[in-house]
Amino acid sequence: MQMTDDCWDLLYRVGESLCCIGMGVLFLLFCGLNITFGYTGEAAHLMLLIFLVGGLFFLALGIFLTIDCGRQQSAGVKQ
């Protein structure tokens, strides 16, 4: 079975989306662990901020890529 370029493109886009969502969840998990274990000090607050902002960024990027992938796929089917 030969896979077309469209199929490879779709697999790449889905993988990219899932990777970004996974990284966002991982960052937010580290943020939660940082809060749970109650690390204190200026470095811990900076780490918490980096994990929170990074997690939200990657989560938003993954959701955007998923929506964009679905929109491009549905546009390709209509043509």
PDB file of N, CA and C in Angstrom:
ATOM      1  N   MET A   1       0.846  -1.190   0.000  1.00  0.00           N
ATOM      2  CA  MET A   1       0.000   0.000   0.000  1.00  0.00           C
ATOM      3  C   MET A   1       0.878   1.235   0.000  1.00  0.00           C
ATOM      4  N   GLN A   2       0.707   2.072  -0.985  1.00  0.00           N
ATOM      5  CA  GLN A   2       1.488   3.299  -1.121  1.00  0.00           C
ATOM      6  C   GLN A   2       0.767   4.447  -0.408  1.00  0.00           C
ATOM      7  N   MET A   3       1.485   5.142   0.464  1.00  0.00           N
ATOM      8  CA  MET A   3       0.883   6.282   1.162  1.00  0.00           C
ATOM      9  C   MET A   3       1.130   7.538   0.342  1.00  0.00           C
ATOM     10  N   THR A   4       0.093   8.323   0.156  1.00  0.00           N
ATOM     11  CA  THR A   4       0.218   9.545  -0.628  1.00  0.00           C
ATOM     12  C   THR A   4       0.839  10.641   0.215  1.00  0.00           C
ATOM     13  N   ASP A   5       1.255  11.707  -0.467  1.00  0.00           N
ATOM     14  CA  ASP A   5       1.835  12.853   0.235  1.00  0.00           C
ATOM     15  C   ASP A   5       0.829  13.489   1.179  1.00  0.00           C
ATOM     16  N   ASP A   6      -0.460  13.495   0.790  1.00  0.00           N
ATOM     17  CA  ASP A   6      -1.488  14.064   1.655  1.00  0.00           C
ATOM     18  C   ASP A   6      -1.593  13.289   2.961  1.00  0.00           C
ATOM     19  N   CYS A   7      -1.475  11.982   2.870  1.00  0.00           N
ATOM     20  CA  CYS A   7      -1.558  11.141   4.064  1.00  0.00           C
ATOM     21  C   CYS A   7      -0.363  11.398   4.989  1.00  0.00           C
ATOM     22  N   TRP A   8       0.831  11.490   4.415  1.00  0.00           N
ATOM     23  CA  TRP A   8       2.015  11.786   5.219  1.00  0.00           C
ATOM     24  C   TRP A   8       1.902  13.169   5.850  1.00  0.00           C
ATOM     25  N   ASP A   9       1.367  14.132   5.112  1.00  0.00           N
ATOM     26  CA  ASP A   9       1.198  15.485   5.633  1.00  0.00           C
ATOM     27  C   ASP A   9       0.235  15.494   6.808  1.00  0.00           C
ATOM     28  N   LEU A  10      -0.845  14.725   6.684  1.00  0.00           N
ATOM     29  CA  LEU A  10      -1.819  14.636   7.771  1.00  0.00           C
ATOM     30  C   LEU A  10      -1.188  13.989   9.006  1.00  0.00           C
ATOM     31  N   LEU A  11      -0.451  12.893   8.813  1.00  0.00           N
ATOM     32  CA  LEU A  11       0.211  12.236   9.935  1.00  0.00           C
ATOM     33  C   LEU A  11       1.204  13.170  10.617  1.00  0.00           C
ATOM     34  N   TYR A  12       1.944  13.931   9.814  1.00  0.00           N
ATOM     35  CA  TYR A  12       2.904  14.884  10.366  1.00  0.00           C
ATOM     36  C   TYR A  12       2.187  15.951  11.193  1.00  0.00           C
ATOM     37  N   ARG A  13       1.098  16.484  10.663  1.00  0.00           N
ATOM     38  CA  ARG A  13       0.367  17.541  11.375  1.00  0.00           C
ATOM     39  C   ARG A  13      -0.269  17.023  12.663  1.00  0.00           C
ATOM     40  N   VAL A  14      -0.820  15.830  12.631  1.00  0.00           N
ATOM     41  CA  VAL A  14      -1.420  15.248  13.837  1.00  0.00           C
ATOM     42  C   VAL A  14      -0.338  14.981  14.882  1.00  0.00           C
ATOM     43  N   GLY A  15       0.796  14.456  14.451  1.00  0.00           N
ATOM     44  CA  GLY A  15       1.908  14.214  15.373  1.00  0.00           C
ATOM     45  C   GLY A  15       2.417  15.498  15.990  1.00  0.00           C
ATOM     46  N   GLU A  16       2.521  16.540  15.179  1.00  0.00           N
ATOM     47  CA  GLU A  16       2.966  17.841  15.669  1.00  0.00           C
ATOM     48  C   GLU A  16       1.994  18.388  16.704  1.00  0.00           C
ATOM     49  N   SER A  17       0.705  18.269  16.440  1.00  0.00           N
ATOM     50  CA  SER A  17      -0.313  18.750  17.372  1.00  0.00           C
ATOM     51  C   SER A  17      -0.257  17.991  18.687  1.00  0.00           C
ATOM     52  N   LEU A  18      -0.185  16.658  18.601  1.00  0.00           N
ATOM     53  CA  LEU A  18      -0.145  15.845  19.809  1.00  0.00           C
ATOM     54  C   LEU A  18       1.118  16.103  20.622  1.00  0.00           C
ATOM     55  N   CYS A  19       2.229  16.327  19.936  1.00  0.00           N
ATOM     56  CA  CYS A  19       3.480  16.628  20.616  1.00  0.00           C
ATOM     57  C   CYS A  19       3.367  17.932  21.396  1.00  0.00           C
ATOM     58  N   CYS A  20       2.786  18.948  20.775  1.00  0.00           N
ATOM     59  CA  CYS A  20       2.628  20.236  21.459  1.00  0.00           C
ATOM     60  C   CYS A  20       1.676  20.123  22.643  1.00  0.00           C
ATOM     61  N   ILE A  21       0.581  19.397  22.472  1.00  0.00           N
ATOM     62  CA  ILE A  21      -0.368  19.223  23.579  1.00  0.00           C
ATOM     63  C   ILE A  21       0.297  18.442  24.714  1.00  0.00           C
ATOM     64  N   GLY A  22       1.047  17.409  24.368  1.00  0.00           N
ATOM     65  CA  GLY A  22       1.759  16.628  25.379  1.00  0.00           C
ATOM     66  C   GLY A  22       2.783  17.457  26.141  1.00  0.00           C
ATOM     67  N   MET A  23       3.516  18.291  25.426  1.00  0.00           N
ATOM     68  CA  MET A  23       4.489  19.150  26.094  1.00  0.00           C
ATOM     69  C   MET A  23       3.787  20.144  27.022  1.00  0.00           C
ATOM     70  N   GLY A  24       2.655  20.677  26.578  1.00  0.00           N
ATOM     71  CA  GLY A  24       1.901  21.609  27.421  1.00  0.00           C
ATOM     72  C   GLY A  24       1.421  20.943  28.697  1.00  0.00           C
ATOM     73  N   VAL A  25       0.894  19.720  28.576  1.00  0.00           N
ATOM     74  CA  VAL A  25       0.432  18.979  29.755  1.00  0.00           C
ATOM     75  C   VAL A  25       1.606  18.659  30.681  1.00  0.00           C
ATOM     76  N   LEU A  26       2.737  18.287  30.098  1.00  0.00           N
ATOM     77  CA  LEU A  26       3.919  17.982  30.893  1.00  0.00           C
ATOM     78  C   LEU A  26       4.402  19.208  31.664  1.00  0.00           C
ATOM     79  N   PHE A  27       4.446  20.353  31.006  1.00  0.00           N
ATOM     80  CA  PHE A  27       4.858  21.584  31.673  1.00  0.00           C
ATOM     81  C   PHE A  27       3.904  21.928  32.812  1.00  0.00           C
ATOM     82  N   LEU A  28       2.586  21.786  32.569  1.00  0.00           N
ATOM     83  CA  LEU A  28       1.608  22.087  33.613  1.00  0.00           C
ATOM     84  C   LEU A  28       1.705  21.073  34.755  1.00  0.00           C
ATOM     85  N   LEU A  29       2.066  19.811  34.437  1.00  0.00           N
ATOM     86  CA  LEU A  29       2.278  18.810  35.474  1.00  0.00           C
ATOM     87  C   LEU A  29       3.462  19.204  36.355  1.00  0.00           C
ATOM     88  N   PHE A  30       4.552  19.631  35.738  1.00  0.00           N
ATOM     89  CA  PHE A  30       5.703  20.096  36.518  1.00  0.00           C
ATOM     90  C   PHE A  30       5.336  21.300  37.365  1.00  0.00           C
ATOM     91  N   CYS A  31       4.499  22.172  36.818  1.00  0.00           N
ATOM     92  CA  CYS A  31       4.030  23.335  37.567  1.00  0.00           C
ATOM     93  C   CYS A  31       3.240  22.877  38.788  1.00  0.00           C
ATOM     94  N   GLY A  32       2.352  21.895  38.604  1.00  0.00           N
ATOM     95  CA  GLY A  32       1.574  21.361  39.717  1.00  0.00           C
ATOM     96  C   GLY A  32       2.443  20.680  40.762  1.00  0.00           C
ATOM     97  N   LEU A  33       3.455  19.948  40.320  1.00  0.00           N
ATOM     98  CA  LEU A  33       4.369  19.308  41.264  1.00  0.00           C
ATOM     99  C   LEU A  33       5.143  20.354  42.059  1.00  0.00           C
ATOM    100  N   ASN A  34       5.505  21.437  41.403  1.00  0.00           N
ATOM    101  CA  ASN A  34       6.222  22.512  42.077  1.00  0.00           C
ATOM    102  C   ASN A  34       5.349  23.107  43.179  1.00  0.00           C
ATOM    103  N   ILE A  35       4.057  23.287  42.910  1.00  0.00           N
ATOM    104  CA  ILE A  35       3.134  23.824  43.914  1.00  0.00           C
ATOM    105  C   ILE A  35       2.909  22.793  45.014  1.00  0.00           C
ATOM    106  N   THR A  36       2.736  21.520  44.630  1.00  0.00           N
ATOM    107  CA  THR A  36       2.427  20.459  45.592  1.00  0.00           C
ATOM    108  C   THR A  36       3.521  20.300  46.632  1.00  0.00           C
ATOM    109  N   PHE A  37       4.774  20.292  46.169  1.00  0.00           N
ATOM    110  CA  PHE A  37       5.873  20.079  47.103  1.00  0.00           C
ATOM    111  C   PHE A  37       6.324  21.365  47.782  1.00  0.00           C
ATOM    112  N   GLY A  38       5.714  22.484  47.414  1.00  0.00           N
ATOM    113  CA  GLY A  38       5.921  23.741  48.111  1.00  0.00           C
ATOM    114  C   GLY A  38       7.340  24.270  48.107  1.00  0.00           C
ATOM    115  N   TYR A  39       7.982  24.195  46.958  1.00  0.00           N
ATOM    116  CA  TYR A  39       9.320  24.776  46.872  1.00  0.00           C
ATOM    117  C   TYR A  39       9.220  26.274  47.112  1.00  0.00           C
ATOM    118  N   THR A  40      10.183  26.815  47.808  1.00  0.00           N
ATOM    119  CA  THR A  40      10.156  28.245  48.111  1.00  0.00           C
ATOM    120  C   THR A  40      11.421  28.892  47.575  1.00  0.00           C
ATOM    121  N   GLY A  41      11.394  30.189  47.578  1.00  0.00           N
ATOM    122  CA  GLY A  41      12.553  30.938  47.111  1.00  0.00           C
ATOM    123  C   GLY A  41      12.290  31.545  45.749  1.00  0.00           C
ATOM    124  N   GLU A  42      13.169  32.463  45.382  1.00  0.00           N
ATOM    125  CA  GLU A  42      12.998  33.189  44.128  1.00  0.00           C
ATOM    126  C   GLU A  42      13.148  32.269  42.921  1.00  0.00           C
ATOM    127  N   ALA A  43      14.080  31.319  42.995  1.00  0.00           N
ATOM    128  CA  ALA A  43      14.296  30.403  41.869  1.00  0.00           C
ATOM    129  C   ALA A  43      13.072  29.521  41.654  1.00  0.00           C
ATOM    130  N   ALA A  44      12.431  29.095  42.732  1.00  0.00           N
ATOM    131  CA  ALA A  44      11.241  28.247  42.606  1.00  0.00           C
ATOM    132  C   ALA A  44      10.088  29.030  41.984  1.00  0.00           C
ATOM    133  N   HIS A  45       9.962  30.289  42.330  1.00  0.00           N
ATOM    134  CA  HIS A  45       8.891  31.105  41.748  1.00  0.00           C
ATOM    135  C   HIS A  45       9.136  31.326  40.263  1.00  0.00           C
ATOM    136  N   LEU A  46      10.390  31.528  39.887  1.00  0.00           N
ATOM    137  CA  LEU A  46      10.725  31.690  38.471  1.00  0.00           C
ATOM    138  C   LEU A  46      10.461  30.393  37.715  1.00  0.00           C
ATOM    139  N   MET A  47      10.818  29.265  38.302  1.00  0.00           N
ATOM    140  CA  MET A  47      10.578  27.963  37.669  1.00  0.00           C
ATOM    141  C   MET A  47       9.077  27.724  37.506  1.00  0.00           C
ATOM    142  N   LEU A  48       8.302  28.082  38.529  1.00  0.00           N
ATOM    143  CA  LEU A  48       6.857  27.940  38.473  1.00  0.00           C
ATOM    144  C   LEU A  48       6.272  28.780  37.344  1.00  0.00           C
ATOM    145  N   LEU A  49       6.747  30.002  37.215  1.00  0.00           N
ATOM    146  CA  LEU A  49       6.272  30.900  36.165  1.00  0.00           C
ATOM    147  C   LEU A  49       6.635  30.367  34.782  1.00  0.00           C
ATOM    148  N   ILE A  50       7.854  29.873  34.630  1.00  0.00           N
ATOM    149  CA  ILE A  50       8.290  29.322  33.336  1.00  0.00           C
ATOM    150  C   ILE A  50       7.451  28.108  32.961  1.00  0.00           C
ATOM    151  N   PHE A  51       7.218  27.201  33.918  1.00  0.00           N
ATOM    152  CA  PHE A  51       6.412  26.012  33.632  1.00  0.00           C
ATOM    153  C   PHE A  51       4.971  26.385  33.311  1.00  0.00           C
ATOM    154  N   LEU A  52       4.421  27.369  34.029  1.00  0.00           N
ATOM    155  CA  LEU A  52       3.032  27.767  33.794  1.00  0.00           C
ATOM    156  C   LEU A  52       2.874  28.407  32.419  1.00  0.00           C
ATOM    157  N   VAL A  53       3.729  29.375  32.115  1.00  0.00           N
ATOM    158  CA  VAL A  53       3.645  30.061  30.822  1.00  0.00           C
ATOM    159  C   VAL A  53       3.975  29.094  29.678  1.00  0.00           C
ATOM    160  N   GLY A  54       5.013  28.288  29.843  1.00  0.00           N
ATOM    161  CA  GLY A  54       5.380  27.316  28.808  1.00  0.00           C
ATOM    162  C   GLY A  54       4.288  26.293  28.576  1.00  0.00           C
ATOM    163  N   GLY A  55       3.681  25.806  29.648  1.00  0.00           N
ATOM    164  CA  GLY A  55       2.605  24.825  29.520  1.00  0.00           C
ATOM    165  C   GLY A  55       1.403  25.387  28.801  1.00  0.00           C
ATOM    166  N   LEU A  56       1.003  26.594  29.180  1.00  0.00           N
ATOM    167  CA  LEU A  56      -0.147  27.215  28.514  1.00  0.00           C
ATOM    168  C   LEU A  56       0.155  27.523  27.051  1.00  0.00           C
ATOM    169  N   PHE A  57       1.397  27.955  26.761  1.00  0.00           N
ATOM    170  CA  PHE A  57       1.785  28.249  25.382  1.00  0.00           C
ATOM    171  C   PHE A  57       1.721  26.990  24.517  1.00  0.00           C
ATOM    172  N   PHE A  58       2.341  25.905  24.989  1.00  0.00           N
ATOM    173  CA  PHE A  58       2.360  24.679  24.191  1.00  0.00           C
ATOM    174  C   PHE A  58       0.967  24.076  24.054  1.00  0.00           C
ATOM    175  N   LEU A  59       0.156  24.180  25.114  1.00  0.00           N
ATOM    176  CA  LEU A  59      -1.207  23.672  25.038  1.00  0.00           C
ATOM    177  C   LEU A  59      -2.013  24.458  24.008  1.00  0.00           C
ATOM    178  N   ALA A  60      -1.891  25.779  24.039  1.00  0.00           N
ATOM    179  CA  ALA A  60      -2.611  26.613  23.075  1.00  0.00           C
ATOM    180  C   ALA A  60      -2.108  26.352  21.653  1.00  0.00           C
ATOM    181  N   LEU A  61      -0.797  26.205  21.489  1.00  0.00           N
ATOM    182  CA  LEU A  61      -0.229  25.932  20.170  1.00  0.00           C
ATOM    183  C   LEU A  61      -0.726  24.584  19.635  1.00  0.00           C
ATOM    184  N   GLY A  62      -0.756  23.571  20.492  1.00  0.00           N
ATOM    185  CA  GLY A  62      -1.244  22.258  20.068  1.00  0.00           C
ATOM    186  C   GLY A  62      -2.708  22.291  19.670  1.00  0.00           C
ATOM    187  N   ILE A  63      -3.525  23.016  20.430  1.00  0.00           N
ATOM    188  CA  ILE A  63      -4.952  23.129  20.093  1.00  0.00           C
ATOM    189  C   ILE A  63      -5.123  23.881  18.784  1.00  0.00           C
ATOM    190  N   PHE A  64      -4.358  24.957  18.598  1.00  0.00           N
ATOM    191  CA  PHE A  64      -4.431  25.712  17.344  1.00  0.00           C
ATOM    192  C   PHE A  64      -4.028  24.839  16.157  1.00  0.00           C
ATOM    193  N   LEU A  65      -2.942  24.079  16.307  1.00  0.00           N
ATOM    194  CA  LEU A  65      -2.490  23.217  15.209  1.00  0.00           C
ATOM    195  C   LEU A  65      -3.514  22.128  14.891  1.00  0.00           C
ATOM    196  N   THR A  66      -4.185  21.619  15.934  1.00  0.00           N
ATOM    197  CA  THR A  66      -5.218  20.611  15.710  1.00  0.00           C
ATOM    198  C   THR A  66      -6.387  21.192  14.932  1.00  0.00           C
ATOM    199  N   ILE A  67      -6.828  22.380  15.320  1.00  0.00           N
ATOM    200  CA  ILE A  67      -7.940  23.032  14.619  1.00  0.00           C
ATOM    201  C   ILE A  67      -7.538  23.361  13.184  1.00  0.00           C
ATOM    202  N   ASP A  68      -6.319  23.868  13.013  1.00  0.00           N
ATOM    203  CA  ASP A  68      -5.835  24.220  11.684  1.00  0.00           C
ATOM    204  C   ASP A  68      -5.719  22.985  10.800  1.00  0.00           C
ATOM    205  N   CYS A  69      -5.258  21.880  11.374  1.00  0.00           N
ATOM    206  CA  CYS A  69      -5.142  20.625  10.625  1.00  0.00           C
ATOM    207  C   CYS A  69      -6.517  20.147  10.173  1.00  0.00           C
ATOM    208  N   GLY A  70      -7.496  20.216  11.062  1.00  0.00           N
ATOM    209  CA  GLY A  70      -8.856  19.801  10.707  1.00  0.00           C
ATOM    210  C   GLY A  70      -9.458  20.688   9.641  1.00  0.00           C
ATOM    211  N   ARG A  71      -9.192  21.983   9.729  1.00  0.00           N
ATOM    212  CA  ARG A  71      -9.731  22.910   8.739  1.00  0.00           C
ATOM    213  C   ARG A  71      -9.099  22.662   7.374  1.00  0.00           C
ATOM    214  N   GLN A  72      -7.793  22.454   7.340  1.00  0.00           N
ATOM    215  CA  GLN A  72      -7.128  22.191   6.053  1.00  0.00           C
ATOM    216  C   GLN A  72      -7.559  20.854   5.470  1.00  0.00           C
ATOM    217  N   GLN A  73      -7.775  19.870   6.344  1.00  0.00           N
ATOM    218  CA  GLN A  73      -8.196  18.552   5.864  1.00  0.00           C
ATOM    219  C   GLN A  73      -9.601  18.629   5.273  1.00  0.00           C
ATOM    220  N   SER A  74     -10.505  19.363   5.933  1.00  0.00           N
ATOM    221  CA  SER A  74     -11.867  19.467   5.409  1.00  0.00           C
ATOM    222  C   SER A  74     -11.896  20.299   4.130  1.00  0.00           C
ATOM    223  N   ALA A  75     -11.003  21.284   4.023  1.00  0.00           N
ATOM    224  CA  ALA A  75     -10.922  22.072   2.789  1.00  0.00           C
ATOM    225  C   ALA A  75     -10.394  21.206   1.643  1.00  0.00           C
ATOM    226  N   GLY A  76      -9.465  20.303   1.970  1.00  0.00           N
ATOM    227  CA  GLY A  76      -8.924  19.410   0.940  1.00  0.00           C
ATOM    228  C   GLY A  76      -9.946  18.409   0.453  1.00  0.00           C
ATOM    229  N   VAL A  77     -10.844  17.979   1.324  1.00  0.00           N
ATOM    230  CA  VAL A  77     -11.864  17.012   0.938  1.00  0.00           C
ATOM    231  C   VAL A  77     -12.891  17.668   0.024  1.00  0.00           C
ATOM    232  N   LYS A  78     -13.215  18.937   0.256  1.00  0.00           N
ATOM    233  CA  LYS A  78     -14.229  19.624  -0.534  1.00  0.00           C
ATOM    234  C   LYS A  78     -13.773  19.882  -1.963  1.00  0.00           C
ATOM    235  N   GLN A  79     -12.456  20.009  -2.157  1.00  0.00           N
ATOM    236  CA  GLN A  79     -11.963  20.322  -3.502  1.00  0.00           C
ATOM    237  C   GLN A  79     -12.107  19.178  -4.394  1.00  0.00           C
TER     238      GLN A  79
END
